[in-house]
Amino acid sequence: MCKKEETGRVVLCGASAYEMKYYFNEDFNGLPDSVKEELHILCVLFTEEVGGVFTIAFEEDGNVVLTTDADDDDIYYDEISSGLMVSQVRSKRQELFESLSLYYRVFVLHEQCDID
C-alpha cells in the first residue's frame, strides 16, 4: 500500500533545488523505465528553471497533481513564473499524466477500466 501524506495524496516523485536531489517513490517501480526517466528529467528541469521544490502526486481519486513550493526566505523563487510553468508542463505532458492516473486507478485503487 502506498504511503499517503496528511493531505491524502501519494507522492510519485519530486525534486528539490535546495538539496539538489530527486526523489522517486519506489512503490511505483512497476512503471516503465522510460516513464520513470521522463519524470526524472521533468522534475529536475523544473527545479533548475524555477527553483524551490516540485512534486508530482496522486490525489485519493487518482488524479495527478503538480505542486511547487519554496522556502519563505527564497528571494529567487518566482511564484507567478512557477504557476505558469506548472500550467505549461500540464498541457505539454497531458497524455503522460492521464496515463499515470489510469495506472494509479488500476494498480493501486484496483478499479475496473473498460477500454474500447
PDB file of N, CA and C in Angstrom:
ATOM      1  N   MET A   1       0.836  -1.180   0.000  1.00  0.00           N
ATOM      2  CA  MET A   1       0.000   0.000   0.000  1.00  0.00           C
ATOM      3  C   MET A   1       0.879   1.241   0.000  1.00  0.00           C
ATOM      4  N   CYS A   2       0.495   2.239  -0.744  1.00  0.00           N
ATOM      5  CA  CYS A   2       1.263   3.464  -0.865  1.00  0.00           C
ATOM      6  C   CYS A   2       1.087   4.342   0.375  1.00  0.00           C
ATOM      7  N   LYS A   3       2.164   4.970   0.793  1.00  0.00           N
ATOM      8  CA  LYS A   3       2.124   5.859   1.950  1.00  0.00           C
ATOM      9  C   LYS A   3       1.526   7.200   1.538  1.00  0.00           C
ATOM     10  N   LYS A   4       0.500   7.636   2.279  1.00  0.00           N
ATOM     11  CA  LYS A   4      -0.185   8.888   1.979  1.00  0.00           C
ATOM     12  C   LYS A   4       0.339  10.004   2.869  1.00  0.00           C
ATOM     13  N   GLU A   5       0.316  11.221   2.307  1.00  0.00           N
ATOM     14  CA  GLU A   5       0.629  12.412   3.088  1.00  0.00           C
ATOM     15  C   GLU A   5      -0.591  12.776   3.925  1.00  0.00           C
ATOM     16  N   GLU A   6      -0.455  13.786   4.764  1.00  0.00           N
ATOM     17  CA  GLU A   6      -1.578  14.275   5.563  1.00  0.00           C
ATOM     18  C   GLU A   6      -2.731  14.730   4.680  1.00  0.00           C
ATOM     19  N   THR A   7      -2.427  15.201   3.480  1.00  0.00           N
ATOM     20  CA  THR A   7      -3.448  15.682   2.555  1.00  0.00           C
ATOM     21  C   THR A   7      -4.206  14.548   1.886  1.00  0.00           C
ATOM     22  N   GLY A   8      -3.751  13.308   2.084  1.00  0.00           N
ATOM     23  CA  GLY A   8      -4.353  12.158   1.420  1.00  0.00           C
ATOM     24  C   GLY A   8      -3.711  11.860   0.084  1.00  0.00           C
ATOM     25  N   ARG A   9      -2.752  12.671  -0.293  1.00  0.00           N
ATOM     26  CA  ARG A   9      -2.048  12.465  -1.560  1.00  0.00           C
ATOM     27  C   ARG A   9      -0.905  11.477  -1.391  1.00  0.00           C
ATOM     28  N   VAL A  10      -0.592  10.811  -2.507  1.00  0.00           N
ATOM     29  CA  VAL A  10       0.551   9.904  -2.551  1.00  0.00           C
ATOM     30  C   VAL A  10       1.564  10.514  -3.528  1.00  0.00           C
ATOM     31  N   VAL A  11       2.749  10.821  -3.030  1.00  0.00           N
ATOM     32  CA  VAL A  11       3.779  11.434  -3.870  1.00  0.00           C
ATOM     33  C   VAL A  11       4.373  10.380  -4.787  1.00  0.00           C
ATOM     34  N   LEU A  12       4.412  10.704  -6.064  1.00  0.00           N
ATOM     35  CA  LEU A  12       5.038   9.837  -7.064  1.00  0.00           C
ATOM     36  C   LEU A  12       6.524  10.160  -7.164  1.00  0.00           C
ATOM     37  N   CYS A  13       6.834  11.455  -7.328  1.00  0.00           N
ATOM     38  CA  CYS A  13       8.219  11.866  -7.457  1.00  0.00           C
ATOM     39  C   CYS A  13       8.341  13.361  -7.203  1.00  0.00           C
ATOM     40  N   GLY A  14       9.554  13.815  -7.079  1.00  0.00           N
ATOM     41  CA  GLY A  14       9.772  15.235  -6.853  1.00  0.00           C
ATOM     42  C   GLY A  14      11.247  15.563  -6.898  1.00  0.00           C
ATOM     43  N   ALA A  15      11.517  16.857  -6.921  1.00  0.00           N
ATOM     44  CA  ALA A  15      12.901  17.321  -6.932  1.00  0.00           C
ATOM     45  C   ALA A  15      12.989  18.592  -6.101  1.00  0.00           C
ATOM     46  N   SER A  16      14.159  18.795  -5.519  1.00  0.00           N
ATOM     47  CA  SER A  16      14.408  19.968  -4.698  1.00  0.00           C
ATOM     48  C   SER A  16      15.629  20.710  -5.219  1.00  0.00           C
ATOM     49  N   ALA A  17      15.452  21.997  -5.492  1.00  0.00           N
ATOM     50  CA  ALA A  17      16.580  22.821  -5.912  1.00  0.00           C
ATOM     51  C   ALA A  17      17.512  23.092  -4.729  1.00  0.00           C
ATOM     52  N   TYR A  18      16.977  23.039  -3.518  1.00  0.00           N
ATOM     53  CA  TYR A  18      17.768  23.324  -2.328  1.00  0.00           C
ATOM     54  C   TYR A  18      18.747  22.198  -2.016  1.00  0.00           C
ATOM     55  N   GLU A  19      18.267  20.978  -2.106  1.00  0.00           N
ATOM     56  CA  GLU A  19      19.109  19.827  -1.795  1.00  0.00           C
ATOM     57  C   GLU A  19      19.755  19.229  -3.040  1.00  0.00           C
ATOM     58  N   MET A  20      19.333  19.712  -4.214  1.00  0.00           N
ATOM     59  CA  MET A  20      19.816  19.184  -5.494  1.00  0.00           C
ATOM     60  C   MET A  20      19.613  17.676  -5.544  1.00  0.00           C
ATOM     61  N   LYS A  21      18.388  17.245  -5.180  1.00  0.00           N
ATOM     62  CA  LYS A  21      18.070  15.827  -5.153  1.00  0.00           C
ATOM     63  C   LYS A  21      16.756  15.559  -5.862  1.00  0.00           C
ATOM     64  N   TYR A  22      16.651  14.335  -6.354  1.00  0.00           N
ATOM     65  CA  TYR A  22      15.434  13.833  -6.977  1.00  0.00           C
ATOM     66  C   TYR A  22      14.935  12.666  -6.138  1.00  0.00           C
ATOM     67  N   TYR A  23      13.624  12.588  -5.964  1.00  0.00           N
ATOM     68  CA  TYR A  23      13.010  11.502  -5.207  1.00  0.00           C
ATOM     69  C   TYR A  23      12.008  10.785  -6.099  1.00  0.00           C
ATOM     70  N   PHE A  24      12.042   9.455  -6.062  1.00  0.00           N
ATOM     71  CA  PHE A  24      11.044   8.645  -6.758  1.00  0.00           C
ATOM     72  C   PHE A  24      10.499   7.628  -5.767  1.00  0.00           C
ATOM     73  N   ASN A  25       9.182   7.560  -5.643  1.00  0.00           N
ATOM     74  CA  ASN A  25       8.521   6.643  -4.725  1.00  0.00           C
ATOM     75  C   ASN A  25       8.645   5.218  -5.275  1.00  0.00           C
ATOM     76  N   GLU A  26       9.366   4.374  -4.564  1.00  0.00           N
ATOM     77  CA  GLU A  26       9.628   3.017  -5.036  1.00  0.00           C
ATOM     78  C   GLU A  26       8.386   2.141  -5.086  1.00  0.00           C
ATOM     79  N   ASP A  27       7.269   2.615  -4.512  1.00  0.00           N
ATOM     80  CA  ASP A  27       6.007   1.882  -4.652  1.00  0.00           C
ATOM     81  C   ASP A  27       5.567   1.836  -6.113  1.00  0.00           C
ATOM     82  N   PHE A  28       6.170   2.692  -6.944  1.00  0.00           N
ATOM     83  CA  PHE A  28       5.791   2.767  -8.355  1.00  0.00           C
ATOM     84  C   PHE A  28       6.890   2.240  -9.281  1.00  0.00           C
ATOM     85  N   ASN A  29       7.717   1.345  -8.779  1.00  0.00           N
ATOM     86  CA  ASN A  29       8.774   0.755  -9.605  1.00  0.00           C
ATOM     87  C   ASN A  29       8.224  -0.033 -10.780  1.00  0.00           C
ATOM     88  N   GLY A  30       6.941  -0.370 -10.751  1.00  0.00           N
ATOM     89  CA  GLY A  30       6.320  -1.096 -11.848  1.00  0.00           C
ATOM     90  C   GLY A  30       6.113  -0.259 -13.105  1.00  0.00           C
ATOM     91  N   LEU A  31       6.290   1.047 -12.992  1.00  0.00           N
ATOM     92  CA  LEU A  31       6.187   1.902 -14.177  1.00  0.00           C
ATOM     93  C   LEU A  31       7.330   1.586 -15.134  1.00  0.00           C
ATOM     94  N   PRO A  32       7.092   1.727 -16.429  1.00  0.00           N
ATOM     95  CA  PRO A  32       8.176   1.503 -17.400  1.00  0.00           C
ATOM     96  C   PRO A  32       9.361   2.442 -17.145  1.00  0.00           C
ATOM     97  N   ASP A  33      10.554   1.956 -17.413  1.00  0.00           N
ATOM     98  CA  ASP A  33      11.760   2.758 -17.200  1.00  0.00           C
ATOM     99  C   ASP A  33      11.721   4.067 -17.979  1.00  0.00           C
ATOM    100  N   SER A  34      11.146   4.044 -19.170  1.00  0.00           N
ATOM    101  CA  SER A  34      11.078   5.267 -19.970  1.00  0.00           C
ATOM    102  C   SER A  34      10.218   6.325 -19.287  1.00  0.00           C
ATOM    103  N   VAL A  35       9.152   5.910 -18.619  1.00  0.00           N
ATOM    104  CA  VAL A  35       8.285   6.850 -17.895  1.00  0.00           C
ATOM    105  C   VAL A  35       9.031   7.379 -16.673  1.00  0.00           C
ATOM    106  N   LYS A  36       9.724   6.499 -15.953  1.00  0.00           N
ATOM    107  CA  LYS A  36      10.487   6.930 -14.782  1.00  0.00           C
ATOM    108  C   LYS A  36      11.558   7.945 -15.186  1.00  0.00           C
ATOM    109  N   GLU A  37      12.207   7.703 -16.303  1.00  0.00           N
ATOM    110  CA  GLU A  37      13.245   8.630 -16.784  1.00  0.00           C
ATOM    111  C   GLU A  37      12.633   9.972 -17.191  1.00  0.00           C
ATOM    112  N   GLU A  38      11.480   9.932 -17.854  1.00  0.00           N
ATOM    113  CA  GLU A  38      10.806  11.172 -18.250  1.00  0.00           C
ATOM    114  C   GLU A  38      10.413  11.985 -17.016  1.00  0.00           C
ATOM    115  N   LEU A  39       9.919  11.322 -15.986  1.00  0.00           N
ATOM    116  CA  LEU A  39       9.545  12.008 -14.745  1.00  0.00           C
ATOM    117  C   LEU A  39      10.777  12.622 -14.080  1.00  0.00           C
ATOM    118  N   HIS A  40      11.869  11.880 -14.090  1.00  0.00           N
ATOM    119  CA  HIS A  40      13.121  12.377 -13.503  1.00  0.00           C
ATOM    120  C   HIS A  40      13.566  13.664 -14.209  1.00  0.00           C
ATOM    121  N   ILE A  41      13.615  13.613 -15.512  1.00  0.00           N
ATOM    122  CA  ILE A  41      14.032  14.781 -16.300  1.00  0.00           C
ATOM    123  C   ILE A  41      13.086  15.951 -16.069  1.00  0.00           C
ATOM    124  N   LEU A  42      11.799  15.687 -16.092  1.00  0.00           N
ATOM    125  CA  LEU A  42      10.785  16.722 -15.900  1.00  0.00           C
ATOM    126  C   LEU A  42      10.962  17.433 -14.559  1.00  0.00           C
ATOM    127  N   CYS A  43      11.101  16.674 -13.490  1.00  0.00           N
ATOM    128  CA  CYS A  43      11.233  17.262 -12.153  1.00  0.00           C
ATOM    129  C   CYS A  43      12.518  18.072 -12.006  1.00  0.00           C
ATOM    130  N   VAL A  44      13.621  17.512 -12.462  1.00  0.00           N
ATOM    131  CA  VAL A  44      14.908  18.192 -12.314  1.00  0.00           C
ATOM    132  C   VAL A  44      14.949  19.465 -13.153  1.00  0.00           C
ATOM    133  N   LEU A  45      14.476  19.403 -14.386  1.00  0.00           N
ATOM    134  CA  LEU A  45      14.467  20.603 -15.225  1.00  0.00           C
ATOM    135  C   LEU A  45      13.561  21.683 -14.652  1.00  0.00           C
ATOM    136  N   PHE A  46      12.435  21.269 -14.076  1.00  0.00           N
ATOM    137  CA  PHE A  46      11.520  22.242 -13.474  1.00  0.00           C
ATOM    138  C   PHE A  46      12.225  23.006 -12.355  1.00  0.00           C
ATOM    139  N   THR A  47      12.887  22.284 -11.458  1.00  0.00           N
ATOM    140  CA  THR A  47      13.535  22.961 -10.333  1.00  0.00           C
ATOM    141  C   THR A  47      14.754  23.762 -10.767  1.00  0.00           C
ATOM    142  N   GLU A  48      15.409  23.341 -11.827  1.00  0.00           N
ATOM    143  CA  GLU A  48      16.524  24.139 -12.343  1.00  0.00           C
ATOM    144  C   GLU A  48      16.025  25.452 -12.929  1.00  0.00           C
ATOM    145  N   GLU A  49      14.870  25.424 -13.556  1.00  0.00           N
ATOM    146  CA  GLU A  49      14.299  26.607 -14.185  1.00  0.00           C
ATOM    147  C   GLU A  49      13.676  27.551 -13.161  1.00  0.00           C
ATOM    148  N   VAL A  50      12.895  27.013 -12.236  1.00  0.00           N
ATOM    149  CA  VAL A  50      12.095  27.826 -11.330  1.00  0.00           C
ATOM    150  C   VAL A  50      12.673  27.879  -9.913  1.00  0.00           C
ATOM    151  N   GLY A  51      13.331  26.795  -9.503  1.00  0.00           N
ATOM    152  CA  GLY A  51      13.821  26.709  -8.131  1.00  0.00           C
ATOM    153  C   GLY A  51      12.791  26.054  -7.236  1.00  0.00           C
ATOM    154  N   GLY A  52      13.035  26.083  -5.947  1.00  0.00           N
ATOM    155  CA  GLY A  52      12.094  25.532  -4.991  1.00  0.00           C
ATOM    156  C   GLY A  52      12.015  24.022  -5.026  1.00  0.00           C
ATOM    157  N   VAL A  53      10.833  23.524  -4.693  1.00  0.00           N
ATOM    158  CA  VAL A  53      10.567  22.089  -4.656  1.00  0.00           C
ATOM    159  C   VAL A  53       9.380  21.813  -5.564  1.00  0.00           C
ATOM    160  N   PHE A  54       9.498  20.794  -6.387  1.00  0.00           N
ATOM    161  CA  PHE A  54       8.440  20.418  -7.322  1.00  0.00           C
ATOM    162  C   PHE A  54       8.078  18.968  -7.074  1.00  0.00           C
ATOM    163  N   THR A  55       6.772  18.685  -6.944  1.00  0.00           N
ATOM    164  CA  THR A  55       6.346  17.302  -6.741  1.00  0.00           C
ATOM    165  C   THR A  55       5.193  16.944  -7.663  1.00  0.00           C
ATOM    166  N   ILE A  56       5.148  15.679  -8.002  1.00  0.00           N
ATOM    167  CA  ILE A  56       4.047  15.098  -8.760  1.00  0.00           C
ATOM    168  C   ILE A  56       3.440  14.046  -7.842  1.00  0.00           C
ATOM    169  N   ALA A  57       2.135  14.166  -7.603  1.00  0.00           N
ATOM    170  CA  ALA A  57       1.472  13.267  -6.654  1.00  0.00           C
ATOM    171  C   ALA A  57       0.117  12.842  -7.196  1.00  0.00           C
ATOM    172  N   PHE A  58      -0.450  11.843  -6.537  1.00  0.00           N
ATOM    173  CA  PHE A  58      -1.789  11.371  -6.858  1.00  0.00           C
ATOM    174  C   PHE A  58      -2.733  11.782  -5.746  1.00  0.00           C
ATOM    175  N   GLU A  59      -3.902  12.301  -6.116  1.00  0.00           N
ATOM    176  CA  GLU A  59      -4.948  12.551  -5.143  1.00  0.00           C
ATOM    177  C   GLU A  59      -5.627  11.218  -4.842  1.00  0.00           C
ATOM    178  N   GLU A  60      -6.491  11.196  -3.855  1.00  0.00           N
ATOM    179  CA  GLU A  60      -7.144   9.948  -3.442  1.00  0.00           C
ATOM    180  C   GLU A  60      -7.912   9.280  -4.578  1.00  0.00           C
ATOM    181  N   ASP A  61      -8.456  10.084  -5.503  1.00  0.00           N
ATOM    182  CA  ASP A  61      -9.235   9.522  -6.611  1.00  0.00           C
ATOM    183  C   ASP A  61      -8.379   9.148  -7.816  1.00  0.00           C
ATOM    184  N   GLY A  62      -7.061   9.372  -7.735  1.00  0.00           N
ATOM    185  CA  GLY A  62      -6.162   9.002  -8.819  1.00  0.00           C
ATOM    186  C   GLY A  62      -5.753  10.142  -9.729  1.00  0.00           C
ATOM    187  N   ASN A  63      -6.342  11.315  -9.542  1.00  0.00           N
ATOM    188  CA  ASN A  63      -5.929  12.466 -10.354  1.00  0.00           C
ATOM    189  C   ASN A  63      -4.492  12.848 -10.015  1.00  0.00           C
ATOM    190  N   VAL A  64      -3.763  13.300 -11.035  1.00  0.00           N
ATOM    191  CA  VAL A  64      -2.378  13.708 -10.856  1.00  0.00           C
ATOM    192  C   VAL A  64      -2.336  15.194 -10.533  1.00  0.00           C
ATOM    193  N   VAL A  65      -1.557  15.540  -9.492  1.00  0.00           N
ATOM    194  CA  VAL A  65      -1.401  16.930  -9.093  1.00  0.00           C
ATOM    195  C   VAL A  65       0.063  17.318  -9.169  1.00  0.00           C
ATOM    196  N   LEU A  66       0.303  18.509  -9.666  1.00  0.00           N
ATOM    197  CA  LEU A  66       1.645  19.067  -9.736  1.00  0.00           C
ATOM    198  C   LEU A  66       1.703  20.203  -8.726  1.00  0.00           C
ATOM    199  N   THR A  67       2.680  20.163  -7.832  1.00  0.00           N
ATOM    200  CA  THR A  67       2.800  21.229  -6.846  1.00  0.00           C
ATOM    201  C   THR A  67       4.217  21.763  -6.825  1.00  0.00           C
ATOM    202  N   THR A  68       4.301  23.023  -6.503  1.00  0.00           N
ATOM    203  CA  THR A  68       5.592  23.678  -6.371  1.00  0.00           C
ATOM    204  C   THR A  68       5.554  24.548  -5.127  1.00  0.00           C
ATOM    205  N   ASP A  69       6.676  24.604  -4.448  1.00  0.00           N
ATOM    206  CA  ASP A  69       6.740  25.343  -3.194  1.00  0.00           C
ATOM    207  C   ASP A  69       8.168  25.834  -3.012  1.00  0.00           C
ATOM    208  N   ALA A  70       8.314  26.816  -2.127  1.00  0.00           N
ATOM    209  CA  ALA A  70       9.645  27.355  -1.865  1.00  0.00           C
ATOM    210  C   ALA A  70       9.763  27.763  -0.409  1.00  0.00           C
ATOM    211  N   ASP A  71      10.994  27.838   0.052  1.00  0.00           N
ATOM    212  CA  ASP A  71      11.250  28.349   1.393  1.00  0.00           C
ATOM    213  C   ASP A  71      10.829  29.809   1.455  1.00  0.00           C
ATOM    214  N   ASP A  72      10.397  30.234   2.618  1.00  0.00           N
ATOM    215  CA  ASP A  72       9.938  31.617   2.788  1.00  0.00           C
ATOM    216  C   ASP A  72      11.025  32.640   2.471  1.00  0.00           C
ATOM    217  N   ASP A  73      12.261  32.295   2.733  1.00  0.00           N
ATOM    218  CA  ASP A  73      13.353  33.250   2.516  1.00  0.00           C
ATOM    219  C   ASP A  73      14.024  33.110   1.149  1.00  0.00           C
ATOM    220  N   ASP A  74      13.422  32.376   0.234  1.00  0.00           N
ATOM    221  CA  ASP A  74      13.989  32.190  -1.108  1.00  0.00           C
ATOM    222  C   ASP A  74      13.602  33.382  -1.981  1.00  0.00           C
ATOM    223  N   ILE A  75      14.517  34.324  -2.129  1.00  0.00           N
ATOM    224  CA  ILE A  75      14.217  35.540  -2.896  1.00  0.00           C
ATOM    225  C   ILE A  75      14.265  35.313  -4.407  1.00  0.00           C
ATOM    226  N   TYR A  76      14.815  34.188  -4.843  1.00  0.00           N
ATOM    227  CA  TYR A  76      14.928  33.906  -6.272  1.00  0.00           C
ATOM    228  C   TYR A  76      13.708  33.181  -6.837  1.00  0.00           C
ATOM    229  N   TYR A  77      12.901  32.614  -5.959  1.00  0.00           N
ATOM    230  CA  TYR A  77      11.725  31.855  -6.392  1.00  0.00           C
ATOM    231  C   TYR A  77      10.626  32.822  -6.804  1.00  0.00           C
ATOM    232  N   ASP A  78      10.107  32.634  -8.009  1.00  0.00           N
ATOM    233  CA  ASP A  78       9.036  33.482  -8.531  1.00  0.00           C
ATOM    234  C   ASP A  78       7.751  32.665  -8.589  1.00  0.00           C
ATOM    235  N   GLU A  79       6.823  32.962  -7.706  1.00  0.00           N
ATOM    236  CA  GLU A  79       5.587  32.192  -7.598  1.00  0.00           C
ATOM    237  C   GLU A  79       4.749  32.279  -8.879  1.00  0.00           C
ATOM    238  N   ILE A  80       4.735  33.416  -9.527  1.00  0.00           N
ATOM    239  CA  ILE A  80       3.958  33.577 -10.763  1.00  0.00           C
ATOM    240  C   ILE A  80       4.557  32.736 -11.880  1.00  0.00           C
ATOM    241  N   SER A  81       5.872  32.796 -12.039  1.00  0.00           N
ATOM    242  CA  SER A  81       6.533  32.001 -13.074  1.00  0.00           C
ATOM    243  C   SER A  81       6.354  30.509 -12.825  1.00  0.00           C
ATOM    244  N   SER A  82       6.417  30.114 -11.558  1.00  0.00           N
ATOM    245  CA  SER A  82       6.264  28.697 -11.254  1.00  0.00           C
ATOM    246  C   SER A  82       4.854  28.225 -11.583  1.00  0.00           C
ATOM    247  N   GLY A  83       3.851  29.053 -11.303  1.00  0.00           N
ATOM    248  CA  GLY A  83       2.474  28.706 -11.652  1.00  0.00           C
ATOM    249  C   GLY A  83       2.284  28.575 -13.152  1.00  0.00           C
ATOM    250  N   LEU A  84       2.900  29.489 -13.894  1.00  0.00           N
ATOM    251  CA  LEU A  84       2.826  29.426 -15.355  1.00  0.00           C
ATOM    252  C   LEU A  84       3.523  28.178 -15.888  1.00  0.00           C
ATOM    253  N   MET A  85       4.641  27.831 -15.276  1.00  0.00           N
ATOM    254  CA  MET A  85       5.374  26.658 -15.728  1.00  0.00           C
ATOM    255  C   MET A  85       4.600  25.373 -15.410  1.00  0.00           C
ATOM    256  N   VAL A  86       3.927  25.328 -14.262  1.00  0.00           N
ATOM    257  CA  VAL A  86       3.098  24.165 -13.933  1.00  0.00           C
ATOM    258  C   VAL A  86       2.022  23.999 -15.001  1.00  0.00           C
ATOM    259  N   SER A  87       1.380  25.096 -15.379  1.00  0.00           N
ATOM    260  CA  SER A  87       0.342  25.033 -16.428  1.00  0.00           C
ATOM    261  C   SER A  87       0.922  24.556 -17.750  1.00  0.00           C
ATOM    262  N   GLN A  88       2.098  25.040 -18.082  1.00  0.00           N
ATOM    263  CA  GLN A  88       2.763  24.647 -19.327  1.00  0.00           C
ATOM    264  C   GLN A  88       3.115  23.160 -19.315  1.00  0.00           C
ATOM    265  N   VAL A  89       3.670  22.694 -18.209  1.00  0.00           N
ATOM    266  CA  VAL A  89       4.033  21.280 -18.088  1.00  0.00           C
ATOM    267  C   VAL A  89       2.785  20.416 -18.188  1.00  0.00           C
ATOM    268  N   ARG A  90       1.722  20.829 -17.487  1.00  0.00           N
ATOM    269  CA  ARG A  90       0.478  20.056 -17.503  1.00  0.00           C
ATOM    270  C   ARG A  90      -0.073  19.934 -18.926  1.00  0.00           C
ATOM    271  N   SER A  91      -0.051  21.007 -19.680  1.00  0.00           N
ATOM    272  CA  SER A  91      -0.608  20.938 -21.041  1.00  0.00           C
ATOM    273  C   SER A  91       0.303  20.152 -21.986  1.00  0.00           C
ATOM    274  N   LYS A  92       1.613  20.313 -21.871  1.00  0.00           N
ATOM    275  CA  LYS A  92       2.542  19.595 -22.752  1.00  0.00           C
ATOM    276  C   LYS A  92       2.612  18.099 -22.449  1.00  0.00           C
ATOM    277  N   ARG A  93       2.411  17.736 -21.204  1.00  0.00           N
ATOM    278  CA  ARG A  93       2.542  16.344 -20.782  1.00  0.00           C
ATOM    279  C   ARG A  93       1.192  15.734 -20.390  1.00  0.00           C
ATOM    280  N   GLN A  94       0.121  16.272 -20.949  1.00  0.00           N
ATOM    281  CA  GLN A  94      -1.226  15.827 -20.596  1.00  0.00           C
ATOM    282  C   GLN A  94      -1.408  14.319 -20.777  1.00  0.00           C
ATOM    283  N   GLU A  95      -0.907  13.788 -21.863  1.00  0.00           N
ATOM    284  CA  GLU A  95      -1.043  12.353 -22.133  1.00  0.00           C
ATOM    285  C   GLU A  95      -0.313  11.521 -21.072  1.00  0.00           C
ATOM    286  N   LEU A  96       0.872  11.968 -20.675  1.00  0.00           N
ATOM    287  CA  LEU A  96       1.628  11.274 -19.629  1.00  0.00           C
ATOM    288  C   LEU A  96       0.832  11.248 -18.327  1.00  0.00           C
ATOM    289  N   PHE A  97       0.277  12.384 -17.938  1.00  0.00           N
ATOM    290  CA  PHE A  97      -0.448  12.463 -16.674  1.00  0.00           C
ATOM    291  C   PHE A  97      -1.754  11.665 -16.714  1.00  0.00           C
ATOM    292  N   GLU A  98      -2.408  11.621 -17.862  1.00  0.00           N
ATOM    293  CA  GLU A  98      -3.612  10.788 -17.997  1.00  0.00           C
ATOM    294  C   GLU A  98      -3.249   9.311 -17.864  1.00  0.00           C
ATOM    295  N   SER A  99      -2.120   8.916 -18.451  1.00  0.00           N
ATOM    296  CA  SER A  99      -1.662   7.528 -18.353  1.00  0.00           C
ATOM    297  C   SER A  99      -1.280   7.174 -16.915  1.00  0.00           C
ATOM    298  N   LEU A 100      -0.624   8.095 -16.226  1.00  0.00           N
ATOM    299  CA  LEU A 100      -0.261   7.859 -14.827  1.00  0.00           C
ATOM    300  C   LEU A 100      -1.504   7.724 -13.955  1.00  0.00           C
ATOM    301  N   SER A 101      -2.499   8.544 -14.223  1.00  0.00           N
ATOM    302  CA  SER A 101      -3.757   8.478 -13.477  1.00  0.00           C
ATOM    303  C   SER A 101      -4.426   7.123 -13.687  1.00  0.00           C
ATOM    304  N   LEU A 102      -4.446   6.667 -14.923  1.00  0.00           N
ATOM    305  CA  LEU A 102      -5.029   5.356 -15.238  1.00  0.00           C
ATOM    306  C   LEU A 102      -4.250   4.241 -14.534  1.00  0.00           C
ATOM    307  N   TYR A 103      -2.936   4.326 -14.572  1.00  0.00           N
ATOM    308  CA  TYR A 103      -2.077   3.350 -13.889  1.00  0.00           C
ATOM    309  C   TYR A 103      -2.428   3.287 -12.399  1.00  0.00           C
ATOM    310  N   TYR A 104      -2.534   4.442 -11.767  1.00  0.00           N
ATOM    311  CA  TYR A 104      -2.837   4.501 -10.334  1.00  0.00           C
ATOM    312  C   TYR A 104      -4.211   3.908 -10.033  1.00  0.00           C
ATOM    313  N   ARG A 105      -5.177   4.269 -10.859  1.00  0.00           N
ATOM    314  CA  ARG A 105      -6.542   3.777 -10.617  1.00  0.00           C
ATOM    315  C   ARG A 105      -6.631   2.268 -10.789  1.00  0.00           C
ATOM    316  N   VAL A 106      -5.889   1.712 -11.737  1.00  0.00           N
ATOM    317  CA  VAL A 106      -5.945   0.271 -11.992  1.00  0.00           C
ATOM    318  C   VAL A 106      -5.087  -0.513 -10.991  1.00  0.00           C
ATOM    319  N   PHE A 107      -3.826  -0.105 -10.792  1.00  0.00           N
ATOM    320  CA  PHE A 107      -2.894  -0.906  -9.998  1.00  0.00           C
ATOM    321  C   PHE A 107      -2.886  -0.582  -8.509  1.00  0.00           C
ATOM    322  N   VAL A 108      -3.325   0.600  -8.128  1.00  0.00           N
ATOM    323  CA  VAL A 108      -3.339   0.953  -6.706  1.00  0.00           C
ATOM    324  C   VAL A 108      -4.763   0.910  -6.151  1.00  0.00           C
ATOM    325  N   LEU A 109      -5.699   1.555  -6.868  1.00  0.00           N
ATOM    326  CA  LEU A 109      -7.078   1.592  -6.389  1.00  0.00           C
ATOM    327  C   LEU A 109      -7.860   0.352  -6.826  1.00  0.00           C
ATOM    328  N   HIS A 110      -7.310  -0.422  -7.759  1.00  0.00           N
ATOM    329  CA  HIS A 110      -7.909  -1.655  -8.269  1.00  0.00           C
ATOM    330  C   HIS A 110      -9.289  -1.418  -8.890  1.00  0.00           C
ATOM    331  N   GLU A 111      -9.407  -0.321  -9.622  1.00  0.00           N
ATOM    332  CA  GLU A 111     -10.642  -0.032 -10.350  1.00  0.00           C
ATOM    333  C   GLU A 111     -10.666  -0.836 -11.631  1.00  0.00           C
ATOM    334  N   GLN A 112     -11.854  -1.173 -12.070  1.00  0.00           N
ATOM    335  CA  GLN A 112     -12.035  -1.822 -13.358  1.00  0.00           C
ATOM    336  C   GLN A 112     -12.134  -0.741 -14.429  1.00  0.00           C
ATOM    337  N   CYS A 113     -11.357  -0.862 -15.458  1.00  0.00           N
ATOM    338  CA  CYS A 113     -11.391   0.117 -16.546  1.00  0.00           C
ATOM    339  C   CYS A 113     -11.793  -0.568 -17.832  1.00  0.00           C
ATOM    340  N   ASP A 114     -12.828  -0.056 -18.443  1.00  0.00           N
ATOM    341  CA  ASP A 114     -13.286  -0.580 -19.724  1.00  0.00           C
ATOM    342  C   ASP A 114     -12.594   0.197 -20.824  1.00  0.00           C
ATOM    343  N   ILE A 115     -11.815  -0.504 -21.620  1.00  0.00           N
ATOM    344  CA  ILE A 115     -11.107   0.129 -22.738  1.00  0.00           C
ATOM    345  C   ILE A 115     -11.744  -0.379 -24.018  1.00  0.00           C
ATOM    346  N   ASP A 116     -12.276   0.548 -24.780  1.00  0.00           N
ATOM    347  CA  ASP A 116     -12.950   0.190 -26.043  1.00  0.00           C
ATOM    348  C   ASP A 116     -11.955   0.122 -27.173  1.00  0.00           C
TER     349      ASP A 116
END
